[in-house]
Amino acid sequence: MADRTVFVDGTTSGTPGTNGAHYATLSAAITGESGAAPDLVSGAAILTIECSGNVSDTTSVDVVGFTVDATHYIKIVTPVASRHAGVWSTSKYRLEVANPAVAVVHLRTEFTRVEGLQVRKSASNANDQMIFHVEASSACTMQITDCLIRNVPTDAFRAPNIWVVSANVTAYLINNICYGSPDVVTPYASGIMVEAGTAYVYSCTVIGGWDGLVVSGGATVNAKNSYFAENSTDGGANSISATGTFNQTTCAANDASGLVNVGLQSIAINTTNFTNVTPGSEDWHLPLGSALIDVGTDTSGEGAPLNFTRDIDDQARTVPWDIGADSRESVGGGDLSVSLQEAQIGGSVF
């Protein structure tokens, strides 16, 4: 068996387990492929699941049932040509699920990679409902990169955008935007929560409700060029809450957190630093004059997958790097007053 690519585009055709099959939903693709050809190791295969088209996929996803290893794995991806542009788009593929049983995406197959999806929980009920729930039964890496991850601000229960719960996992979280977390008095109302294991949080924009980032005791987070913020009105919240190990280089916060560098503290969630912070129409690109421009660290020389050189919009990062998922274009060393990401017609970014 060779590598195979299947497609999630709202249609159904082809034979599960063979190259070129089409599925109506990502959940159907996982079910079909795990039922037909689950052993990627014996098959010497990488399974790529491409999500594209103007599809509202409303079924939660449980990525389970495969035999994988570090070189034979699942990659769930929205191709660059058809993915979001760093702002929520209703004309692109989007996984938007109301009231998932556990999470919108429950990652339980080791070494899974998720790239370029826009994912949100569209409604919640009286349960703990995450967006990404990351765990594994054996030691592995997981990757979530270039994703737009949107929560329900009115949720009243535990609802991190990304929750890493397993000591077996080393999670690489790169170029992601997490926002919309509920304003609930619990550390679980966070943008990213690493309860166990290790996470590398690089070039992410993380807007939590009660906390931006939570690092529980026994867990380790290594963060670079990321912005962490809490958006609580109840008081007592933190941009970063760490009882575990938190290592950082040129990260920023919206409070006076002593966990980030002096000079990168108290960078507010406002339209000086971000294009649009209005609930429901947020745009986390960096406008001219943002305090997050040109204050980051070039990490392109690190080992894979941390040697990335582009931002969430697939725009090249240039030295000096910016903080967060977005990198502003610059000409002749100066920032453009209007970047491609910010040009809008009819509310759509192109």
Protein backbone atom coordinates (compact mmCIF):
# COMPACT_ATOMS: atom_id res chain seq x y z
CA MET A 1 0.00 0.00 0.00
CA ALA A 2 1.27 3.47 -0.83
CA ASP A 3 0.50 6.86 0.69
CA ARG A 4 -3.06 7.86 0.03
CA THR A 5 -5.06 11.07 0.00
CA VAL A 6 -8.80 11.24 0.56
CA PHE A 7 -11.03 14.30 0.43
CA VAL A 8 -13.65 15.91 2.66
CA ASP A 9 -15.67 18.25 0.46
CA GLY A 10 -19.35 17.50 1.13
CA THR A 11 -19.55 14.76 -1.52
CA THR A 12 -19.32 10.99 -1.32
CA SER A 13 -17.60 8.81 -3.91
CA GLY A 14 -14.83 6.26 -4.31
CA THR A 15 -13.86 3.32 -2.15
CA PRO A 16 -12.76 3.76 1.48
CA GLY A 17 -9.15 2.79 1.99
CA THR A 18 -8.14 3.75 -1.55
CA ASN A 19 -6.58 6.88 -2.95
CA GLY A 20 -9.04 9.59 -4.01
CA ALA A 21 -12.12 8.64 -1.97
CA HIS A 22 -14.45 11.53 -1.12
CA TYR A 23 -16.40 12.00 2.12
CA ALA A 24 -19.14 14.37 3.20
CA THR A 25 -17.62 15.00 6.66
CA LEU A 26 -14.28 14.62 8.40
CA SER A 27 -15.90 12.21 10.85
CA ALA A 28 -17.05 10.02 7.95
CA ALA A 29 -13.51 10.05 6.54
CA ILE A 30 -12.04 8.85 9.85
CA THR A 31 -14.69 6.16 10.16
CA GLY A 32 -14.34 5.03 6.55
CA GLU A 33 -10.56 4.94 6.50
CA SER A 34 -10.15 3.30 9.90
CA GLY A 35 -12.67 0.66 8.89
CA ALA A 36 -11.11 -0.11 5.50
CA ALA A 37 -7.34 0.28 5.98
CA PRO A 38 -6.43 1.20 9.56
CA ASP A 39 -2.86 -0.17 9.69
CA LEU A 40 -0.72 2.57 8.22
CA VAL A 41 2.48 0.97 9.51
CA SER A 42 2.04 -2.37 7.72
CA GLY A 43 0.81 -0.48 4.70
CA ALA A 44 3.82 1.84 4.80
CA ALA A 45 1.41 4.72 4.29
CA ILE A 46 0.76 8.29 5.29
CA LEU A 47 -2.95 9.05 5.20
CA THR A 48 -3.68 12.64 4.15
CA ILE A 49 -7.24 13.89 4.61
CA GLU A 50 -7.81 17.12 2.67
CA CYS A 51 -10.73 19.31 3.82
CA SER A 52 -11.83 21.89 1.27
CA GLY A 53 -14.77 23.62 -0.40
CA ASN A 54 -17.48 25.81 1.06
CA VAL A 55 -18.52 23.14 3.53
CA SER A 56 -19.99 23.59 6.99
CA ASP A 57 -19.03 20.31 8.66
CA THR A 58 -21.18 19.94 11.78
CA THR A 59 -20.16 16.48 13.03
CA SER A 60 -17.63 16.09 15.84
CA VAL A 61 -14.54 14.03 15.08
CA ASP A 62 -12.93 11.21 17.06
CA VAL A 63 -9.55 10.39 15.52
CA VAL A 64 -9.13 6.81 16.70
CA GLY A 65 -8.82 3.28 15.32
CA PHE A 66 -5.52 3.43 13.41
CA THR A 67 -2.13 1.78 13.79
CA VAL A 68 0.53 4.43 13.27
CA ASP A 69 4.11 5.37 14.05
CA ALA A 70 6.34 8.42 13.63
CA THR A 71 6.67 7.95 9.85
CA HIS A 72 3.23 6.50 9.07
CA TYR A 73 0.59 8.84 10.40
CA ILE A 74 -2.59 10.81 9.72
CA LYS A 75 -2.44 14.36 8.37
CA ILE A 76 -5.68 16.36 8.38
CA VAL A 77 -5.17 19.47 6.31
CA THR A 78 -6.93 22.28 4.51
CA PRO A 79 -4.76 23.06 1.45
CA VAL A 80 -3.37 26.58 1.41
CA ALA A 81 -5.35 27.49 -1.70
CA SER A 82 -8.67 26.87 0.05
CA ARG A 83 -8.04 27.58 3.73
CA HIS A 84 -8.99 30.54 5.92
CA ALA A 85 -6.91 33.73 5.77
CA GLY A 86 -6.54 34.10 9.53
CA VAL A 87 -10.10 35.40 9.90
CA TRP A 88 -13.22 33.25 10.26
CA SER A 89 -14.71 32.66 6.82
CA THR A 90 -18.07 31.17 5.89
CA SER A 91 -16.88 30.62 2.32
CA LYS A 92 -14.19 28.07 3.29
CA TYR A 93 -14.28 24.62 4.84
CA ARG A 94 -15.12 24.94 8.52
CA LEU A 95 -15.68 22.40 11.25
CA GLU A 96 -18.35 23.93 13.47
CA VAL A 97 -20.05 21.66 15.97
CA ALA A 98 -22.75 22.30 18.55
CA ASN A 99 -22.66 20.35 21.82
CA PRO A 100 -19.94 17.77 21.09
CA ALA A 101 -19.88 14.79 23.43
CA VAL A 102 -16.24 15.43 24.43
CA ALA A 103 -14.65 17.76 21.92
CA VAL A 104 -15.06 19.07 18.41
CA VAL A 105 -11.84 17.19 17.57
CA HIS A 106 -10.78 14.37 19.89
CA LEU A 107 -7.21 13.44 18.93
CA ARG A 108 -6.52 9.90 20.18
CA THR A 109 -4.34 8.49 17.38
CA GLU A 110 -0.65 9.02 18.00
CA PHE A 111 1.40 11.27 15.69
CA THR A 112 -1.66 12.92 14.12
CA ARG A 113 -1.07 16.27 12.42
CA VAL A 114 -3.77 18.91 11.93
CA GLU A 115 -2.97 21.84 9.67
CA GLY A 116 -4.89 24.88 8.45
CA LEU A 117 -8.39 24.10 9.73
CA GLN A 118 -10.89 26.59 11.06
CA VAL A 119 -12.66 24.91 13.94
CA ARG A 120 -15.24 26.13 16.38
CA LYS A 121 -17.74 25.02 18.96
CA SER A 122 -20.92 26.74 17.83
CA ALA A 123 -23.04 26.07 20.94
CA SER A 124 -22.67 24.35 24.28
CA ASN A 125 -24.83 22.59 26.83
CA ALA A 126 -24.25 21.65 30.47
CA ASN A 127 -21.11 19.61 29.86
CA ASP A 128 -17.35 20.06 29.61
CA GLN A 129 -16.79 20.46 25.88
CA MET A 130 -13.38 21.19 24.46
CA ILE A 131 -12.46 22.11 20.90
CA PHE A 132 -9.23 20.07 20.63
CA HIS A 133 -8.81 17.29 23.21
CA VAL A 134 -5.35 15.76 22.85
CA GLU A 135 -4.37 12.44 24.40
CA ALA A 136 -2.54 9.22 23.55
CA SER A 137 -1.98 5.77 25.04
CA SER A 138 1.72 5.64 24.10
CA ALA A 139 4.55 8.13 23.70
CA CYS A 140 4.15 10.29 20.60
CA THR A 141 4.15 13.73 19.08
CA MET A 142 1.05 15.59 17.90
CA GLN A 143 0.90 18.72 15.76
CA ILE A 144 -1.75 21.44 15.51
CA THR A 145 -0.58 24.18 13.17
CA ASP A 146 -2.03 27.17 11.30
CA CYS A 147 -5.50 26.63 12.76
CA LEU A 148 -8.19 29.18 13.63
CA ILE A 149 -9.86 27.88 16.81
CA ARG A 150 -12.96 29.66 18.06
CA ASN A 151 -14.90 29.01 21.25
CA VAL A 152 -18.28 29.97 22.76
CA PRO A 153 -17.91 33.01 25.06
CA THR A 154 -21.20 32.22 26.84
CA ASP A 155 -20.18 28.70 27.88
CA ALA A 156 -20.44 28.07 31.63
CA PHE A 157 -18.32 24.93 31.83
CA ARG A 158 -14.75 23.74 31.26
CA ALA A 159 -13.95 24.51 27.66
CA PRO A 160 -10.32 25.09 26.66
CA ASN A 161 -9.67 25.64 22.96
CA ILE A 162 -6.79 23.15 23.15
CA TRP A 163 -6.50 20.72 26.07
CA VAL A 164 -3.45 18.46 26.23
CA VAL A 165 -4.26 15.84 28.87
CA SER A 166 -1.75 13.02 28.41
CA ALA A 167 1.80 12.68 29.74
CA ASN A 168 2.52 10.57 26.64
CA VAL A 169 2.10 13.56 24.32
CA THR A 170 4.60 16.09 23.08
CA ALA A 171 2.38 18.63 21.34
CA TYR A 172 3.64 21.11 18.76
CA LEU A 173 1.23 24.07 18.64
CA ILE A 174 2.40 26.47 15.93
CA ASN A 175 0.83 29.52 14.23
CA ASN A 176 -2.59 28.99 15.84
CA ILE A 177 -5.17 31.58 16.82
CA CYS A 178 -7.31 30.60 19.83
CA TYR A 179 -10.10 32.91 20.97
CA GLY A 180 -13.66 33.16 22.25
CA SER A 181 -13.08 31.30 25.53
CA PRO A 182 -15.79 31.80 28.15
CA ASP A 183 -15.41 34.21 31.05
CA VAL A 184 -15.82 31.58 33.76
CA VAL A 185 -13.93 31.45 37.04
CA THR A 186 -11.92 28.31 36.33
CA PRO A 187 -8.51 27.68 34.76
CA TYR A 188 -10.28 25.37 32.35
CA ALA A 189 -11.80 28.42 30.65
CA SER A 190 -8.47 28.96 28.92
CA GLY A 191 -7.17 29.31 25.41
CA ILE A 192 -4.65 26.49 25.88
CA MET A 193 -4.41 24.14 28.84
CA VAL A 194 -1.51 21.69 29.16
CA GLU A 195 -2.54 19.42 32.01
CA ALA A 196 0.16 16.81 31.37
CA GLY A 197 2.96 16.13 28.91
CA THR A 198 4.97 18.69 27.02
CA ALA A 199 3.91 21.40 24.59
CA TYR A 200 5.81 23.73 22.31
CA VAL A 201 3.67 26.84 21.78
CA TYR A 202 5.32 28.86 19.02
CA SER A 203 3.96 31.95 17.27
CA CYS A 204 0.42 31.57 18.58
CA THR A 205 -2.18 34.21 19.46
CA VAL A 206 -4.06 32.89 22.50
CA ILE A 207 -7.00 34.83 23.96
CA GLY A 208 -8.48 32.99 26.92
CA GLY A 209 -11.44 33.73 29.14
CA TRP A 210 -10.19 33.20 32.68
CA ASP A 211 -6.60 32.35 31.66
CA GLY A 212 -4.76 32.52 28.35
CA LEU A 213 -2.39 29.62 29.01
CA VAL A 214 -2.51 27.13 31.87
CA VAL A 215 0.45 24.86 32.66
CA SER A 216 -0.54 22.33 35.31
CA GLY A 217 1.86 20.75 37.79
CA GLY A 218 4.01 18.11 36.10
CA ALA A 219 3.46 19.56 32.62
CA THR A 220 6.02 21.55 30.63
CA VAL A 221 5.42 24.33 28.10
CA ASN A 222 8.16 25.82 25.96
CA ALA A 223 6.82 28.98 24.33
CA LYS A 224 8.31 31.44 21.88
CA ASN A 225 6.85 34.45 20.06
CA SER A 226 3.35 33.82 21.45
CA TYR A 227 0.82 36.29 22.84
CA PHE A 228 -1.20 35.14 25.85
CA ALA A 229 -4.17 37.07 27.18
CA GLU A 230 -7.03 36.66 29.58
CA ASN A 231 -10.27 38.40 28.78
CA SER A 232 -11.93 38.09 32.16
CA THR A 233 -14.15 40.68 33.81
CA ASP A 234 -14.31 38.77 37.11
CA GLY A 235 -10.84 39.63 38.36
CA GLY A 236 -8.14 37.26 39.49
CA ALA A 237 -7.43 35.78 36.09
CA ASN A 238 -3.98 35.54 34.53
CA SER A 239 -2.62 35.67 31.03
CA ILE A 240 -0.40 32.74 32.05
CA SER A 241 -0.96 30.44 35.01
CA ALA A 242 1.89 27.99 35.60
CA THR A 243 2.24 25.53 38.47
CA GLY A 244 4.25 23.33 36.09
CA THR A 245 7.32 24.32 34.06
CA PHE A 246 7.00 27.31 31.76
CA ASN A 247 9.95 28.31 29.60
CA GLN A 248 9.58 31.28 27.28
CA THR A 249 11.43 33.49 24.85
CA THR A 250 9.93 36.80 23.62
CA CYS A 251 6.36 35.98 24.59
CA ALA A 252 3.89 38.74 25.40
CA ALA A 253 0.92 39.15 27.72
CA ASN A 254 -1.97 41.51 28.27
CA ASP A 255 -1.33 41.80 32.00
CA ALA A 256 1.72 42.53 34.14
CA SER A 257 2.72 38.87 34.23
CA GLY A 258 6.22 38.35 35.52
CA LEU A 259 6.39 35.23 33.35
CA VAL A 260 7.17 37.22 30.19
CA ASN A 261 9.86 39.76 29.44
CA VAL A 262 9.68 43.33 30.70
CA GLY A 263 8.53 45.41 27.76
CA LEU A 264 6.21 42.67 26.51
CA GLN A 265 3.80 42.91 29.42
CA SER A 266 0.42 44.70 29.49
CA ILE A 267 -0.07 44.65 25.72
CA ALA A 268 -3.81 45.18 25.57
CA ILE A 269 -6.50 43.45 23.54
CA ASN A 270 -7.49 46.51 21.52
CA THR A 271 -7.46 47.94 18.01
CA THR A 272 -4.04 49.45 18.52
CA ASN A 273 -2.57 45.96 18.69
CA PHE A 274 -5.12 43.95 16.66
CA THR A 275 -7.22 44.78 13.62
CA ASN A 276 -10.63 44.01 15.18
CA VAL A 277 -11.48 42.85 18.69
CA THR A 278 -15.28 43.13 18.44
CA PRO A 279 -16.86 39.86 19.68
CA GLY A 280 -18.15 37.83 16.75
CA SER A 281 -16.06 39.59 14.11
CA GLU A 282 -12.55 39.34 15.53
CA ASP A 283 -9.51 39.82 13.31
CA TRP A 284 -6.25 39.07 15.09
CA HIS A 285 -3.94 40.41 12.38
CA LEU A 286 -1.47 43.09 13.43
CA PRO A 287 -2.24 46.66 12.32
CA LEU A 288 0.39 49.33 11.78
CA GLY A 289 1.70 50.38 15.17
CA SER A 290 0.98 47.13 17.02
CA ALA A 291 3.30 46.54 19.95
CA LEU A 292 3.76 42.95 18.72
CA ILE A 293 5.53 43.95 15.50
CA ASP A 294 9.30 43.41 15.15
CA VAL A 295 9.86 42.25 18.75
CA GLY A 296 10.03 38.49 18.25
CA THR A 297 12.80 35.95 17.80
CA ASP A 298 13.68 34.12 14.58
CA THR A 299 13.11 30.42 15.37
CA SER A 300 13.61 29.11 11.84
CA GLY A 301 16.94 27.53 12.77
CA GLU A 302 15.40 25.13 15.29
CA GLY A 303 14.72 21.46 14.59
CA ALA A 304 11.60 20.34 12.73
CA PRO A 305 8.75 21.11 13.05
CA LEU A 306 9.88 24.29 14.83
CA ASN A 307 11.90 25.43 11.80
CA PHE A 308 8.84 26.96 10.11
CA THR A 309 9.30 30.23 8.22
CA ARG A 310 5.72 31.29 7.40
CA ASP A 311 2.72 32.58 9.34
CA ILE A 312 -0.90 31.48 9.63
CA ASP A 313 -1.67 33.15 6.27
CA ASP A 314 1.25 31.34 4.59
CA GLN A 315 3.05 34.67 4.43
CA ALA A 316 6.85 34.59 4.82
CA ARG A 317 8.17 35.71 8.19
CA THR A 318 10.95 38.26 7.91
CA VAL A 319 13.56 39.34 10.44
CA PRO A 320 12.80 40.81 12.93
CA TRP A 321 9.93 38.43 13.59
CA ASP A 322 6.58 39.52 14.98
CA ILE A 323 4.83 37.98 17.99
CA GLY A 324 1.70 35.92 17.41
CA ALA A 325 0.28 33.92 14.53
CA ASP A 326 0.31 36.83 12.10
CA SER A 327 3.37 38.34 10.47
CA ARG A 328 2.94 41.76 8.91
CA GLU A 329 4.35 42.32 5.45
CA SER A 330 6.97 45.02 5.30
CA VAL A 331 8.60 46.92 2.48
CA GLY A 332 12.02 48.51 2.81
CA GLY A 333 12.08 47.79 6.52
CA GLY A 334 8.79 49.60 7.18
CA ASP A 335 5.36 48.10 7.85
CA LEU A 336 2.71 48.41 5.18
CA SER A 337 -0.20 50.47 6.37
CA VAL A 338 -2.58 48.10 4.59
CA SER A 339 -1.53 44.47 4.26
CA LEU A 340 -3.08 41.86 2.00
CA GLN A 341 -4.67 40.12 4.97
CA GLU A 342 -6.49 43.28 5.98
CA ALA A 343 -7.94 44.15 2.58
CA GLN A 344 -11.61 43.29 2.83
CA ILE A 345 -14.54 43.29 0.47
CA GLY A 346 -17.97 42.43 1.79
CA GLY A 347 -16.48 41.23 5.07
CA SER A 348 -14.35 38.53 3.45
CA VAL A 349 -10.60 38.58 3.67
CA PHE A 350 -8.75 37.56 0.54
